[in-house]
Amino acid sequence: MPTDFDNLTAELPALRKASLSADADGFFVQEVLRFCSVAGTLLGNSFKLDASASVDERYITHVLTRSLLENYFTVLYLFDDPAQKAARYEELKNSFKESYRKLMTDLSAPTWQKFMQAHQGQLEPADPTWTKAKGLPDVNTMLTALRNNYGDRLSYLYPIYRITSFDTHGRSLGTIFDAVFGKTCNFPVLNLKYAFELVANQYLVVLNDLRKTGVVP
């Protein structure tokens, strides 16, 4: 029996034919393509995506999954309330502008001048007219703003997001645990297959809504 991830990947030809606009709908379509690429790579290779995974596998699978979950929560926030979708997408754009401005400010330091000269033309300059405006709230705040009841979906995926975030920043190395707790400690190895199914299921719901409006053929 096909999984929700199988059903979502079956939609890839239609998604690739979608006319992408620079709005929340276009963001969703591109994120689904990214999700299928990253999650599909993990599922299609020899990675163990459950509690039997090794530490070395976790270094890869947890880090990649964290980025998928962050945008999943953003998609939930954008599409949960149609009346708020455009305004919330503006928050996403504002967050991008602020992050990009900080990136370019950091790289403009004299220390990185040679790098910037070598990559001149590959990085757009930050627009000097950008002003700091309301950006996306933190993930916890986004989730509390949702109108719909996602039940077990969020009660499972948010803890996975927090644990994979810890892994992403290299905080779960055994030596750190040994030093802090004075003993050998365990750290969760997660059932990522189940997480991918929950994400795929919700993406199918949003995709079907967009199909009704003609965004996806």
C-alpha atoms as a PDB file:
ATOM      1  CA  MET A   1       0.000   0.000   0.000  1.00  0.00           C
ATOM      2  CA  PRO A   2       1.461   3.408  -0.970  1.00  0.00           C
ATOM      3  CA  THR A   3       2.549   5.681   1.856  1.00  0.00           C
ATOM      4  CA  ASP A   4       1.686   9.372   2.043  1.00  0.00           C
ATOM      5  CA  PHE A   5       5.261  10.079   0.967  1.00  0.00           C
ATOM      6  CA  ASP A   6       4.741   7.836  -2.073  1.00  0.00           C
ATOM      7  CA  ASN A   7       1.543   9.735  -2.894  1.00  0.00           C
ATOM      8  CA  LEU A   8       3.334  13.058  -2.544  1.00  0.00           C
ATOM      9  CA  THR A   9       6.238  12.051  -4.782  1.00  0.00           C
ATOM     10  CA  ALA A  10       3.674  10.917  -7.378  1.00  0.00           C
ATOM     11  CA  GLU A  11       2.654  14.586  -7.553  1.00  0.00           C
ATOM     12  CA  LEU A  12       6.153  15.747  -8.516  1.00  0.00           C
ATOM     13  CA  PRO A  13       5.428  15.998 -12.282  1.00  0.00           C
ATOM     14  CA  ALA A  14       2.431  18.245 -11.558  1.00  0.00           C
ATOM     15  CA  LEU A  15       4.403  20.318  -9.066  1.00  0.00           C
ATOM     16  CA  ARG A  16       7.197  20.865 -11.576  1.00  0.00           C
ATOM     17  CA  LYS A  17       4.611  22.145 -14.071  1.00  0.00           C
ATOM     18  CA  ALA A  18       3.117  24.591 -11.572  1.00  0.00           C
ATOM     19  CA  SER A  19       3.526  28.251 -12.503  1.00  0.00           C
ATOM     20  CA  LEU A  20       5.544  29.569  -9.582  1.00  0.00           C
ATOM     21  CA  SER A  21       4.650  33.005  -8.316  1.00  0.00           C
ATOM     22  CA  ALA A  22       6.713  34.835  -5.713  1.00  0.00           C
ATOM     23  CA  ASP A  23       4.097  34.359  -3.013  1.00  0.00           C
ATOM     24  CA  ALA A  24       3.140  31.830  -0.343  1.00  0.00           C
ATOM     25  CA  ASP A  25       1.864  29.371  -2.967  1.00  0.00           C
ATOM     26  CA  GLY A  26       5.171  29.440  -4.836  1.00  0.00           C
ATOM     27  CA  PHE A  27       7.064  29.043  -1.584  1.00  0.00           C
ATOM     28  CA  PHE A  28       4.986  25.969  -0.748  1.00  0.00           C
ATOM     29  CA  VAL A  29       5.566  24.322  -4.129  1.00  0.00           C
ATOM     30  CA  GLN A  30       9.322  24.850  -3.941  1.00  0.00           C
ATOM     31  CA  GLU A  31       9.437  23.569  -0.363  1.00  0.00           C
ATOM     32  CA  VAL A  32       7.561  20.388  -1.306  1.00  0.00           C
ATOM     33  CA  LEU A  33      10.094  19.808  -4.091  1.00  0.00           C
ATOM     34  CA  ARG A  34      12.910  20.286  -1.579  1.00  0.00           C
ATOM     35  CA  PHE A  35      11.234  18.029   0.970  1.00  0.00           C
ATOM     36  CA  CYS A  36      10.809  15.238  -1.572  1.00  0.00           C
ATOM     37  CA  SER A  37      14.439  15.607  -2.661  1.00  0.00           C
ATOM     38  CA  VAL A  38      15.955  15.536   0.836  1.00  0.00           C
ATOM     39  CA  ALA A  39      13.586  13.059   2.485  1.00  0.00           C
ATOM     40  CA  GLY A  40      13.542  10.924  -0.654  1.00  0.00           C
ATOM     41  CA  THR A  41      17.342  10.725  -0.612  1.00  0.00           C
ATOM     42  CA  LEU A  42      17.315   9.566   3.008  1.00  0.00           C
ATOM     43  CA  LEU A  43      14.503   7.080   2.436  1.00  0.00           C
ATOM     44  CA  GLY A  44      16.005   5.752  -0.783  1.00  0.00           C
ATOM     45  CA  ASN A  45      19.432   4.983   0.613  1.00  0.00           C
ATOM     46  CA  SER A  46      20.673   2.708   3.359  1.00  0.00           C
ATOM     47  CA  PHE A  47      20.074   5.142   6.224  1.00  0.00           C
ATOM     48  CA  LYS A  48      18.199   3.677   9.152  1.00  0.00           C
ATOM     49  CA  LEU A  49      15.503   6.201   9.938  1.00  0.00           C
ATOM     50  CA  ASP A  50      14.342   4.736  13.231  1.00  0.00           C
ATOM     51  CA  ALA A  51      15.694   3.937  16.691  1.00  0.00           C
ATOM     52  CA  SER A  52      18.173   1.430  15.232  1.00  0.00           C
ATOM     53  CA  ALA A  53      20.183   4.182  13.502  1.00  0.00           C
ATOM     54  CA  SER A  54      23.845   4.588  14.419  1.00  0.00           C
ATOM     55  CA  VAL A  55      25.336   7.787  15.795  1.00  0.00           C
ATOM     56  CA  ASP A  56      27.122   8.393  12.494  1.00  0.00           C
ATOM     57  CA  GLU A  57      23.822   8.109  10.609  1.00  0.00           C
ATOM     58  CA  ARG A  58      22.174  10.467  13.067  1.00  0.00           C
ATOM     59  CA  TYR A  59      24.775  13.146  12.342  1.00  0.00           C
ATOM     60  CA  ILE A  60      23.359  13.268   8.810  1.00  0.00           C
ATOM     61  CA  THR A  61      19.688  12.351   9.180  1.00  0.00           C
ATOM     62  CA  HIS A  62      18.868  14.525  12.188  1.00  0.00           C
ATOM     63  CA  VAL A  63      20.537  17.599  10.703  1.00  0.00           C
ATOM     64  CA  LEU A  64      18.738  17.296   7.367  1.00  0.00           C
ATOM     65  CA  THR A  65      15.401  16.576   9.028  1.00  0.00           C
ATOM     66  CA  ARG A  66      15.674  19.673  11.205  1.00  0.00           C
ATOM     67  CA  SER A  67      15.666  21.980   8.154  1.00  0.00           C
ATOM     68  CA  LEU A  68      12.649  20.159   6.712  1.00  0.00           C
ATOM     69  CA  LEU A  69      10.663  20.537   9.935  1.00  0.00           C
ATOM     70  CA  GLU A  70      11.442  24.233  10.271  1.00  0.00           C
ATOM     71  CA  ASN A  71       9.881  24.971   6.901  1.00  0.00           C
ATOM     72  CA  TYR A  72       7.030  22.541   7.608  1.00  0.00           C
ATOM     73  CA  PHE A  73       6.025  24.631  10.604  1.00  0.00           C
ATOM     74  CA  THR A  74       6.283  27.747   8.431  1.00  0.00           C
ATOM     75  CA  VAL A  75       3.969  26.171   5.850  1.00  0.00           C
ATOM     76  CA  LEU A  76       1.448  25.319   8.587  1.00  0.00           C
ATOM     77  CA  TYR A  77       1.587  28.922   9.777  1.00  0.00           C
ATOM     78  CA  LEU A  78       1.150  30.353   6.270  1.00  0.00           C
ATOM     79  CA  PHE A  79      -1.718  28.126   5.156  1.00  0.00           C
ATOM     80  CA  ASP A  80      -3.635  27.602   8.379  1.00  0.00           C
ATOM     81  CA  ASP A  81      -5.769  30.734   7.898  1.00  0.00           C
ATOM     82  CA  PRO A  82      -6.416  31.851   4.283  1.00  0.00           C
ATOM     83  CA  ALA A  83      -7.282  35.359   5.447  1.00  0.00           C
ATOM     84  CA  GLN A  84      -3.823  35.690   7.035  1.00  0.00           C
ATOM     85  CA  LYS A  85      -1.760  33.972   4.325  1.00  0.00           C
ATOM     86  CA  ALA A  86      -0.560  37.095   2.498  1.00  0.00           C
ATOM     87  CA  ALA A  87       0.239  38.983   5.725  1.00  0.00           C
ATOM     88  CA  ARG A  88       2.136  36.011   7.139  1.00  0.00           C
ATOM     89  CA  TYR A  89       4.107  35.663   3.925  1.00  0.00           C
ATOM     90  CA  GLU A  90       5.159  39.287   4.372  1.00  0.00           C
ATOM     91  CA  GLU A  91       6.492  38.272   7.794  1.00  0.00           C
ATOM     92  CA  LEU A  92       8.496  35.513   6.119  1.00  0.00           C
ATOM     93  CA  LYS A  93       9.896  37.998   3.601  1.00  0.00           C
ATOM     94  CA  ASN A  94      10.810  40.399   6.400  1.00  0.00           C
ATOM     95  CA  SER A  95      12.626  37.620   8.256  1.00  0.00           C
ATOM     96  CA  PHE A  96      14.522  36.777   5.079  1.00  0.00           C
ATOM     97  CA  LYS A  97      15.508  40.416   4.547  1.00  0.00           C
ATOM     98  CA  GLU A  98      16.830  40.742   8.085  1.00  0.00           C
ATOM     99  CA  SER A  99      18.796  37.471   7.889  1.00  0.00           C
ATOM    100  CA  TYR A 100      20.199  38.415   4.501  1.00  0.00           C
ATOM    101  CA  ARG A 101      21.129  41.903   5.689  1.00  0.00           C
ATOM    102  CA  LYS A 102      23.043  40.395   8.623  1.00  0.00           C
ATOM    103  CA  LEU A 103      24.787  37.970   6.264  1.00  0.00           C
ATOM    104  CA  MET A 104      25.972  40.726   3.955  1.00  0.00           C
ATOM    105  CA  THR A 105      26.972  43.003   6.826  1.00  0.00           C
ATOM    106  CA  ASP A 106      29.089  40.229   8.305  1.00  0.00           C
ATOM    107  CA  LEU A 107      30.765  39.402   4.983  1.00  0.00           C
ATOM    108  CA  SER A 108      31.490  43.062   4.227  1.00  0.00           C
ATOM    109  CA  ALA A 109      34.169  43.142   6.956  1.00  0.00           C
ATOM    110  CA  PRO A 110      37.707  43.713   5.610  1.00  0.00           C
ATOM    111  CA  THR A 111      38.723  40.189   6.685  1.00  0.00           C
ATOM    112  CA  TRP A 112      36.475  38.666   4.005  1.00  0.00           C
ATOM    113  CA  GLN A 113      37.273  41.150   1.227  1.00  0.00           C
ATOM    114  CA  LYS A 114      39.208  38.648  -0.890  1.00  0.00           C
ATOM    115  CA  PHE A 115      36.348  36.120  -0.722  1.00  0.00           C
ATOM    116  CA  MET A 116      33.775  38.757  -1.656  1.00  0.00           C
ATOM    117  CA  GLN A 117      35.863  39.936  -4.604  1.00  0.00           C
ATOM    118  CA  ALA A 118      36.172  36.350  -5.850  1.00  0.00           C
ATOM    119  CA  HIS A 119      32.402  35.868  -5.657  1.00  0.00           C
ATOM    120  CA  GLN A 120      31.422  39.309  -6.877  1.00  0.00           C
ATOM    121  CA  GLY A 121      28.121  39.149  -8.740  1.00  0.00           C
ATOM    122  CA  GLN A 122      27.019  35.922  -7.046  1.00  0.00           C
ATOM    123  CA  LEU A 123      25.622  37.625  -3.954  1.00  0.00           C
ATOM    124  CA  GLU A 124      22.977  40.299  -4.303  1.00  0.00           C
ATOM    125  CA  PRO A 125      23.681  43.367  -2.180  1.00  0.00           C
ATOM    126  CA  ALA A 126      21.206  43.979   0.623  1.00  0.00           C
ATOM    127  CA  ASP A 127      18.788  46.747  -0.296  1.00  0.00           C
ATOM    128  CA  PRO A 128      19.692  49.819   1.800  1.00  0.00           C
ATOM    129  CA  THR A 129      16.003  50.781   1.929  1.00  0.00           C
ATOM    130  CA  TRP A 130      15.092  47.660   3.892  1.00  0.00           C
ATOM    131  CA  THR A 131      13.899  48.562   7.349  1.00  0.00           C
ATOM    132  CA  LYS A 132      13.401  46.137  10.197  1.00  0.00           C
ATOM    133  CA  ALA A 133       9.761  45.062  10.171  1.00  0.00           C
ATOM    134  CA  LYS A 134       7.676  42.354  11.807  1.00  0.00           C
ATOM    135  CA  GLY A 135       9.139  38.985  10.904  1.00  0.00           C
ATOM    136  CA  LEU A 136       8.084  35.424  11.537  1.00  0.00           C
ATOM    137  CA  PRO A 137       7.551  34.571  15.198  1.00  0.00           C
ATOM    138  CA  ASP A 138       9.560  31.779  16.775  1.00  0.00           C
ATOM    139  CA  VAL A 139       8.323  28.252  16.111  1.00  0.00           C
ATOM    140  CA  ASN A 140       6.523  27.918  19.450  1.00  0.00           C
ATOM    141  CA  THR A 141       4.609  31.157  18.833  1.00  0.00           C
ATOM    142  CA  MET A 142       3.774  30.123  15.279  1.00  0.00           C
ATOM    143  CA  LEU A 143       2.315  26.856  16.478  1.00  0.00           C
ATOM    144  CA  THR A 144       0.178  28.494  19.163  1.00  0.00           C
ATOM    145  CA  ALA A 145      -1.242  30.812  16.475  1.00  0.00           C
ATOM    146  CA  LEU A 146      -2.665  27.921  14.442  1.00  0.00           C
ATOM    147  CA  ARG A 147      -6.450  27.744  14.291  1.00  0.00           C
ATOM    148  CA  ASN A 148      -6.702  24.093  13.323  1.00  0.00           C
ATOM    149  CA  ASN A 149      -6.088  21.254  15.738  1.00  0.00           C
ATOM    150  CA  TYR A 150      -3.131  19.213  14.491  1.00  0.00           C
ATOM    151  CA  GLY A 151      -3.198  16.978  17.541  1.00  0.00           C
ATOM    152  CA  ASP A 152      -0.577  14.270  17.741  1.00  0.00           C
ATOM    153  CA  ARG A 153       1.119  15.588  14.610  1.00  0.00           C
ATOM    154  CA  LEU A 154       2.588  18.584  16.432  1.00  0.00           C
ATOM    155  CA  SER A 155       3.036  16.854  19.772  1.00  0.00           C
ATOM    156  CA  TYR A 156       5.355  14.444  17.940  1.00  0.00           C
ATOM    157  CA  LEU A 157       7.011  16.751  15.410  1.00  0.00           C
ATOM    158  CA  TYR A 158       7.850  19.689  17.656  1.00  0.00           C
ATOM    159  CA  PRO A 159       9.944  17.570  20.074  1.00  0.00           C
ATOM    160  CA  ILE A 160      11.675  16.029  17.040  1.00  0.00           C
ATOM    161  CA  TYR A 161      12.415  19.545  15.782  1.00  0.00           C
ATOM    162  CA  ARG A 162      13.941  20.547  19.116  1.00  0.00           C
ATOM    163  CA  ILE A 163      16.024  17.379  19.402  1.00  0.00           C
ATOM    164  CA  THR A 164      17.275  17.608  15.816  1.00  0.00           C
ATOM    165  CA  SER A 165      18.101  21.282  16.424  1.00  0.00           C
ATOM    166  CA  PHE A 166      20.304  20.184  19.322  1.00  0.00           C
ATOM    167  CA  ASP A 167      22.017  17.726  17.000  1.00  0.00           C
ATOM    168  CA  THR A 168      22.383  20.307  14.223  1.00  0.00           C
ATOM    169  CA  HIS A 169      24.543  22.526  16.397  1.00  0.00           C
ATOM    170  CA  GLY A 170      26.742  19.629  17.517  1.00  0.00           C
ATOM    171  CA  ARG A 171      25.528  19.803  21.117  1.00  0.00           C
ATOM    172  CA  SER A 172      24.897  16.059  21.372  1.00  0.00           C
ATOM    173  CA  LEU A 173      28.484  14.864  21.151  1.00  0.00           C
ATOM    174  CA  GLY A 174      29.223  12.260  23.793  1.00  0.00           C
ATOM    175  CA  THR A 175      32.174  14.130  25.295  1.00  0.00           C
ATOM    176  CA  ILE A 176      29.987  17.126  26.127  1.00  0.00           C
ATOM    177  CA  PHE A 177      27.456  14.904  27.906  1.00  0.00           C
ATOM    178  CA  ASP A 178      30.278  13.135  29.768  1.00  0.00           C
ATOM    179  CA  ALA A 179      31.770  16.447  30.873  1.00  0.00           C
ATOM    180  CA  VAL A 180      28.455  17.983  31.977  1.00  0.00           C
ATOM    181  CA  PHE A 181      26.789  14.971  33.609  1.00  0.00           C
ATOM    182  CA  GLY A 182      29.891  13.080  34.696  1.00  0.00           C
ATOM    183  CA  LYS A 183      28.727   9.860  33.068  1.00  0.00           C
ATOM    184  CA  THR A 184      27.965   8.271  29.705  1.00  0.00           C
ATOM    185  CA  CYS A 185      24.543   9.413  28.496  1.00  0.00           C
ATOM    186  CA  ASN A 186      22.145   8.446  25.759  1.00  0.00           C
ATOM    187  CA  PHE A 187      20.524  10.852  23.301  1.00  0.00           C
ATOM    188  CA  PRO A 188      17.346  10.049  21.357  1.00  0.00           C
ATOM    189  CA  VAL A 189      17.564   8.406  17.964  1.00  0.00           C
ATOM    190  CA  LEU A 190      14.305   9.305  16.269  1.00  0.00           C
ATOM    191  CA  ASN A 191      11.716   7.593  14.095  1.00  0.00           C
ATOM    192  CA  LEU A 192      12.135   9.907  11.129  1.00  0.00           C
ATOM    193  CA  LYS A 193      10.093   7.731   8.766  1.00  0.00           C
ATOM    194  CA  TYR A 194       7.018   8.533  10.837  1.00  0.00           C
ATOM    195  CA  ALA A 195       7.913  12.230  10.825  1.00  0.00           C
ATOM    196  CA  PHE A 196       8.203  12.238   7.034  1.00  0.00           C
ATOM    197  CA  GLU A 197       4.786  10.605   6.746  1.00  0.00           C
ATOM    198  CA  LEU A 198       3.174  13.299   8.921  1.00  0.00           C
ATOM    199  CA  VAL A 199       4.752  16.056   6.859  1.00  0.00           C
ATOM    200  CA  ALA A 200       3.803  14.412   3.552  1.00  0.00           C
ATOM    201  CA  ASN A 201       0.216  13.972   4.705  1.00  0.00           C
ATOM    202  CA  GLN A 202      -0.217  17.667   5.457  1.00  0.00           C
ATOM    203  CA  TYR A 203       1.510  18.715   2.255  1.00  0.00           C
ATOM    204  CA  LEU A 204      -0.987  16.617   0.304  1.00  0.00           C
ATOM    205  CA  VAL A 205      -3.819  18.509   2.026  1.00  0.00           C
ATOM    206  CA  VAL A 206      -2.365  21.898   1.046  1.00  0.00           C
ATOM    207  CA  LEU A 207      -1.565  20.669  -2.466  1.00  0.00           C
ATOM    208  CA  ASN A 208      -5.155  19.553  -3.011  1.00  0.00           C
ATOM    209  CA  ASP A 209      -6.385  22.987  -1.917  1.00  0.00           C
ATOM    210  CA  LEU A 210      -4.031  24.665  -4.388  1.00  0.00           C
ATOM    211  CA  ARG A 211      -5.195  22.342  -7.139  1.00  0.00           C
ATOM    212  CA  LYS A 212      -8.740  23.656  -6.639  1.00  0.00           C
ATOM    213  CA  THR A 213      -7.510  27.184  -7.305  1.00  0.00           C
ATOM    214  CA  GLY A 214      -5.473  26.161 -10.366  1.00  0.00           C
ATOM    215  CA  VAL A 215      -2.042  26.809  -8.872  1.00  0.00           C
ATOM    216  CA  VAL A 216      -1.102  23.154  -9.363  1.00  0.00           C
ATOM    217  CA  PRO A 217      -2.354  21.425 -12.539  1.00  0.00           C
END
